[in-house]
Amino acid sequence: MIKLFTQTSCNSSRKARQWLRDHDVQFEEQNVGKKAPTTAELKHILSLTENGLDDIISTRSRAYPEVAAQLPDMSFNETLKLLCERTQLLRKPIMVTENKVQIGFNDDEIRKFIPRHIRRLDFMQAMINAAEV
């Protein structure tokens, strides 16, 4: 099951939610403005990223300049606690499963959340359509 971490005012969150609905992909949504992710959830997300905290911290956030100077001196656990307390520092949306993660909305990359057998069917249909042309 996909867990979708969103924020109400985030356009990318709305796009991701709509894309998942349009493609009949089941997901569980959690608005981080109402319920922050746990440190365990953040650790799982980070375990799937390529660049760790750099992938999930939003440097565009209005709150970022307030904490930017402190971040390099913070321990990993202190940083996680800060991200749970100040969720506006998280990039959104965050889509995560047991073994996949996507930070932000990307129309091409989000396809990895469509079950493999359906992607194969779509690919085979595209190949048939291409051969008919």
Protein backbone atom coordinates (compact mmCIF):
# COMPACT_ATOMS: atom_id res chain seq x y z
CA MET A 1 0.00 0.00 0.00
CA ILE A 2 1.24 3.45 -0.87
CA LYS A 3 1.44 6.02 1.89
CA LEU A 4 1.07 9.53 0.51
CA PHE A 5 2.30 12.34 2.74
CA THR A 6 0.73 15.61 1.59
CA GLN A 7 0.00 19.16 2.60
CA THR A 8 -3.30 20.87 1.82
CA SER A 9 -1.77 23.96 0.25
CA CYS A 10 0.71 22.02 -1.90
CA ASN A 11 -0.07 21.91 -5.63
CA SER A 12 2.27 18.92 -6.16
CA SER A 13 0.39 17.02 -3.45
CA ARG A 14 -2.89 17.66 -5.27
CA LYS A 15 -1.35 16.47 -8.56
CA ALA A 16 -0.02 13.27 -6.98
CA ARG A 17 -3.35 12.52 -5.29
CA GLN A 18 -5.25 13.08 -8.53
CA TRP A 19 -2.78 11.00 -10.57
CA LEU A 20 -3.10 8.06 -8.19
CA ARG A 21 -6.91 8.31 -8.29
CA ASP A 22 -6.96 8.61 -12.10
CA HIS A 23 -4.88 5.42 -12.36
CA ASP A 24 -6.93 3.52 -9.74
CA VAL A 25 -3.92 3.09 -7.47
CA GLN A 26 -4.93 2.62 -3.85
CA PHE A 27 -3.18 4.79 -1.31
CA GLU A 28 -3.43 6.03 2.23
CA GLU A 29 -3.09 9.79 2.53
CA GLN A 30 -1.67 11.58 5.54
CA ASN A 31 -1.80 15.36 5.68
CA VAL A 32 1.41 16.30 7.50
CA GLY A 33 -0.13 19.59 8.57
CA LYS A 34 -2.63 17.65 10.69
CA LYS A 35 -0.57 14.58 11.58
CA ALA A 36 3.20 14.65 11.34
CA PRO A 37 5.10 11.58 10.19
CA THR A 38 6.78 9.63 12.95
CA THR A 39 10.52 9.35 13.25
CA ALA A 40 10.17 5.68 12.27
CA GLU A 41 8.32 6.69 9.09
CA LEU A 42 10.99 9.27 8.27
CA LYS A 43 13.75 6.69 8.86
CA HIS A 44 12.00 4.31 6.45
CA ILE A 45 11.67 7.05 3.84
CA LEU A 46 15.32 7.99 4.26
CA SER A 47 16.39 4.36 3.92
CA LEU A 48 14.96 4.44 0.37
CA THR A 49 16.45 7.77 -0.74
CA GLU A 50 19.68 8.29 -2.60
CA ASN A 51 20.83 11.43 -0.79
CA GLY A 52 19.24 11.07 2.64
CA LEU A 53 18.13 14.24 4.34
CA ASP A 54 19.01 16.36 1.31
CA ASP A 55 16.24 14.56 -0.59
CA ILE A 56 13.49 15.30 1.91
CA ILE A 57 14.31 18.76 3.27
CA SER A 58 12.70 21.60 1.34
CA THR A 59 15.21 24.40 0.97
CA ARG A 60 12.40 26.45 -0.62
CA SER A 61 10.35 26.36 2.56
CA ARG A 62 9.81 29.67 4.32
CA ALA A 63 10.95 27.94 7.51
CA TYR A 64 14.24 26.75 6.03
CA PRO A 65 16.28 29.98 6.49
CA GLU A 66 15.40 29.89 10.20
CA VAL A 67 17.04 26.48 10.68
CA ALA A 68 19.58 26.28 7.84
CA ALA A 69 22.54 27.35 9.98
CA GLN A 70 21.65 24.85 12.73
CA LEU A 71 21.15 21.78 10.53
CA PRO A 72 24.82 20.90 9.95
CA ASP A 73 25.45 20.79 13.72
CA MET A 74 22.37 18.73 14.56
CA SER A 75 22.52 15.00 15.14
CA PHE A 76 20.51 12.72 12.90
CA ASN A 77 17.89 12.14 15.63
CA GLU A 78 17.67 15.86 16.39
CA THR A 79 17.06 16.55 12.71
CA LEU A 80 14.33 13.90 12.56
CA LYS A 81 12.66 15.38 15.62
CA LEU A 82 12.82 18.84 14.02
CA LEU A 83 11.23 17.52 10.80
CA CYS A 84 8.41 15.92 12.82
CA GLU A 85 7.80 19.18 14.68
CA ARG A 86 8.16 21.49 11.66
CA THR A 87 6.65 19.52 8.80
CA GLN A 88 6.77 22.55 6.52
CA LEU A 89 10.48 21.69 6.16
CA LEU A 90 9.59 18.46 4.36
CA ARG A 91 9.38 18.30 0.59
CA LYS A 92 5.95 17.19 -0.49
CA PRO A 93 4.39 15.00 -1.57
CA ILE A 94 6.23 11.96 -0.32
CA MET A 95 5.01 8.66 -1.73
CA VAL A 96 6.36 5.56 -0.07
CA THR A 97 5.83 1.82 -0.07
CA GLU A 98 7.85 -0.93 1.54
CA ASN A 99 10.58 -0.63 -1.10
CA LYS A 100 9.88 2.49 -3.22
CA VAL A 101 9.91 6.20 -2.55
CA GLN A 102 9.25 9.32 -4.57
CA ILE A 103 9.78 12.78 -3.21
CA GLY A 104 7.84 15.49 -5.02
CA PHE A 105 5.61 14.95 -8.02
CA ASN A 106 7.12 13.72 -11.27
CA ASP A 107 4.70 12.47 -13.92
CA ASP A 108 7.19 9.95 -15.32
CA GLU A 109 8.60 8.58 -12.06
CA ILE A 110 5.23 8.14 -10.38
CA ARG A 111 4.44 5.33 -12.84
CA LYS A 112 6.61 3.02 -10.72
CA PHE A 113 3.69 2.89 -8.29
CA ILE A 114 1.43 1.24 -10.87
CA PRO A 115 1.58 -2.53 -10.30
CA ARG A 116 4.11 -4.21 -12.61
CA HIS A 117 1.58 -6.47 -14.34
CA ILE A 118 -0.50 -3.44 -15.35
CA ARG A 119 2.60 -1.59 -16.59
CA ARG A 120 3.46 -4.63 -18.72
CA LEU A 121 -0.02 -4.71 -20.21
CA ASP A 122 0.21 -0.99 -20.99
CA PHE A 123 3.62 -1.52 -22.59
CA MET A 124 2.40 -4.44 -24.69
CA GLN A 125 -0.60 -2.41 -25.86
CA ALA A 126 1.68 0.47 -26.81
CA MET A 127 3.88 -1.91 -28.80
CA ILE A 128 0.83 -3.30 -30.64
CA ASN A 129 -0.36 0.23 -31.40
CA ALA A 130 3.09 1.20 -32.67
CA ALA A 131 3.28 -1.88 -34.90
CA GLU A 132 -0.09 -1.01 -36.46
CA VAL A 133 1.09 2.42 -37.56
